Amino acid sequence: METRDISQVLLEQNAEYRSLYEQHRSLEGRLEELSSRLYLSDSEKVEEVTLKKKKLALKDKMQAMRNQHHG
C-alpha cells in the first residue's frame, strides 16, 4: 500500500491520526499567513520558529503511525 493510501485509511479510521493531521494543517495555515508578510515582529519570528518545530513534530508522529500501520 502506498503512503498516500495509508494516510487516507488512517484519516478515515483513526481519530488520533486525523487530529494530528488537522493540527498540522492548522499550523501550516498560520505559517503561510506569517510568510506572506513583508516583515515579522520579534514575537512573530519566535512564533514562526515554534510553529515550524511543532509542525515537524506532528509530521514525525504521523509518519510513525503510517509506518506502524504499514508494517
C-alpha atoms as a PDB file:
ATOM      1  CA  MET A   1       0.000   0.000   0.000  1.00  0.00           C
ATOM      2  CA  GLU A   2       1.338   3.439  -0.909  1.00  0.00           C
ATOM      3  CA  THR A   3       1.889   6.143   1.699  1.00  0.00           C
ATOM      4  CA  ARG A   4      -0.989   8.179   0.256  1.00  0.00           C
ATOM      5  CA  ASP A   5      -3.310   5.179   0.577  1.00  0.00           C
ATOM      6  CA  ILE A   6      -2.182   4.511   4.145  1.00  0.00           C
ATOM      7  CA  SER A   7      -2.734   8.162   5.024  1.00  0.00           C
ATOM      8  CA  GLN A   8      -6.248   8.056   3.596  1.00  0.00           C
ATOM      9  CA  VAL A   9      -7.117   4.905   5.553  1.00  0.00           C
ATOM     10  CA  LEU A  10      -5.745   6.446   8.753  1.00  0.00           C
ATOM     11  CA  LEU A  11      -7.635   9.694   8.160  1.00  0.00           C
ATOM     12  CA  GLU A  12     -10.863   7.752   7.776  1.00  0.00           C
ATOM     13  CA  GLN A  13     -10.357   5.225  10.568  1.00  0.00           C
ATOM     14  CA  ASN A  14      -8.015   6.695  13.183  1.00  0.00           C
ATOM     15  CA  ALA A  15      -9.157   9.658  15.288  1.00  0.00           C
ATOM     16  CA  GLU A  16      -5.663  10.334  16.654  1.00  0.00           C
ATOM     17  CA  TYR A  17      -4.146  10.481  13.168  1.00  0.00           C
ATOM     18  CA  ARG A  18      -6.983  12.707  11.983  1.00  0.00           C
ATOM     19  CA  SER A  19      -6.373  15.056  14.927  1.00  0.00           C
ATOM     20  CA  LEU A  20      -2.646  15.228  14.175  1.00  0.00           C
ATOM     21  CA  TYR A  21      -3.426  15.906  10.505  1.00  0.00           C
ATOM     22  CA  GLU A  22      -5.836  18.720  11.369  1.00  0.00           C
ATOM     23  CA  GLN A  23      -3.326  20.285  13.762  1.00  0.00           C
ATOM     24  CA  HIS A  24      -0.631  20.043  11.083  1.00  0.00           C
ATOM     25  CA  ARG A  25      -2.892  21.784   8.547  1.00  0.00           C
ATOM     26  CA  SER A  26      -3.759  24.495  11.048  1.00  0.00           C
ATOM     27  CA  LEU A  27      -0.088  25.201  11.735  1.00  0.00           C
ATOM     28  CA  GLU A  28       0.605  25.200   8.007  1.00  0.00           C
ATOM     29  CA  GLY A  29      -2.093  27.822   7.516  1.00  0.00           C
ATOM     30  CA  ARG A  30      -0.663  30.074  10.189  1.00  0.00           C
ATOM     31  CA  LEU A  31       2.853  29.675   8.792  1.00  0.00           C
ATOM     32  CA  GLU A  32       1.599  30.637   5.323  1.00  0.00           C
ATOM     33  CA  GLU A  33      -0.003  33.700   6.845  1.00  0.00           C
ATOM     34  CA  LEU A  34       3.247  34.689   8.535  1.00  0.00           C
ATOM     35  CA  SER A  35       5.328  34.053   5.418  1.00  0.00           C
ATOM     36  CA  SER A  36       3.078  36.322   3.364  1.00  0.00           C
ATOM     37  CA  ARG A  37       4.072  39.325   5.458  1.00  0.00           C
ATOM     38  CA  LEU A  38       6.925  41.550   4.404  1.00  0.00           C
ATOM     39  CA  TYR A  39       8.197  41.970   7.940  1.00  0.00           C
ATOM     40  CA  LEU A  40       7.738  39.955  11.094  1.00  0.00           C
ATOM     41  CA  SER A  41       7.902  41.372  14.594  1.00  0.00           C
ATOM     42  CA  ASP A  42      10.240  39.691  17.049  1.00  0.00           C
ATOM     43  CA  SER A  43       7.344  37.808  18.621  1.00  0.00           C
ATOM     44  CA  GLU A  44       6.141  36.680  15.193  1.00  0.00           C
ATOM     45  CA  LYS A  45       9.637  35.415  14.362  1.00  0.00           C
ATOM     46  CA  VAL A  46       9.628  33.377  17.572  1.00  0.00           C
ATOM     47  CA  GLU A  47       6.133  32.140  16.781  1.00  0.00           C
ATOM     48  CA  GLU A  48       7.235  31.107  13.294  1.00  0.00           C
ATOM     49  CA  VAL A  49      10.153  29.046  14.623  1.00  0.00           C
ATOM     50  CA  THR A  50       7.953  27.467  17.300  1.00  0.00           C
ATOM     51  CA  LEU A  51       5.241  26.594  14.779  1.00  0.00           C
ATOM     52  CA  LYS A  52       7.778  25.039  12.412  1.00  0.00           C
ATOM     53  CA  LYS A  53       9.076  22.824  15.230  1.00  0.00           C
ATOM     54  CA  LYS A  54       5.551  21.794  16.239  1.00  0.00           C
ATOM     55  CA  LYS A  55       4.619  21.089  12.626  1.00  0.00           C
ATOM     56  CA  LEU A  56       7.698  18.906  12.165  1.00  0.00           C
ATOM     57  CA  ALA A  57       6.937  17.001  15.378  1.00  0.00           C
ATOM     58  CA  LEU A  58       3.390  16.349  14.146  1.00  0.00           C
ATOM     59  CA  LYS A  59       4.714  15.214  10.778  1.00  0.00           C
ATOM     60  CA  ASP A  60       7.092  12.807  12.532  1.00  0.00           C
ATOM     61  CA  LYS A  61       4.248  11.362  14.652  1.00  0.00           C
ATOM     62  CA  MET A  62       2.086  10.931  11.570  1.00  0.00           C
ATOM     63  CA  GLN A  63       4.941   9.194   9.719  1.00  0.00           C
ATOM     64  CA  ALA A  64       5.478   6.853  12.669  1.00  0.00           C
ATOM     65  CA  MET A  65       1.778   5.951  12.609  1.00  0.00           C
ATOM     66  CA  ARG A  66       1.929   5.308   8.844  1.00  0.00           C
ATOM     67  CA  ASN A  67       4.988   3.105   9.337  1.00  0.00           C
ATOM     68  CA  GLN A  68       3.279   1.185  12.122  1.00  0.00           C
ATOM     69  CA  HIS A  69       0.138   0.738  10.037  1.00  0.00           C
ATOM     70  CA  HIS A  70       2.132  -0.423   7.009  1.00  0.00           C
ATOM     71  CA  GLY A  71       4.304  -2.958   8.675  1.00  0.00           C
END
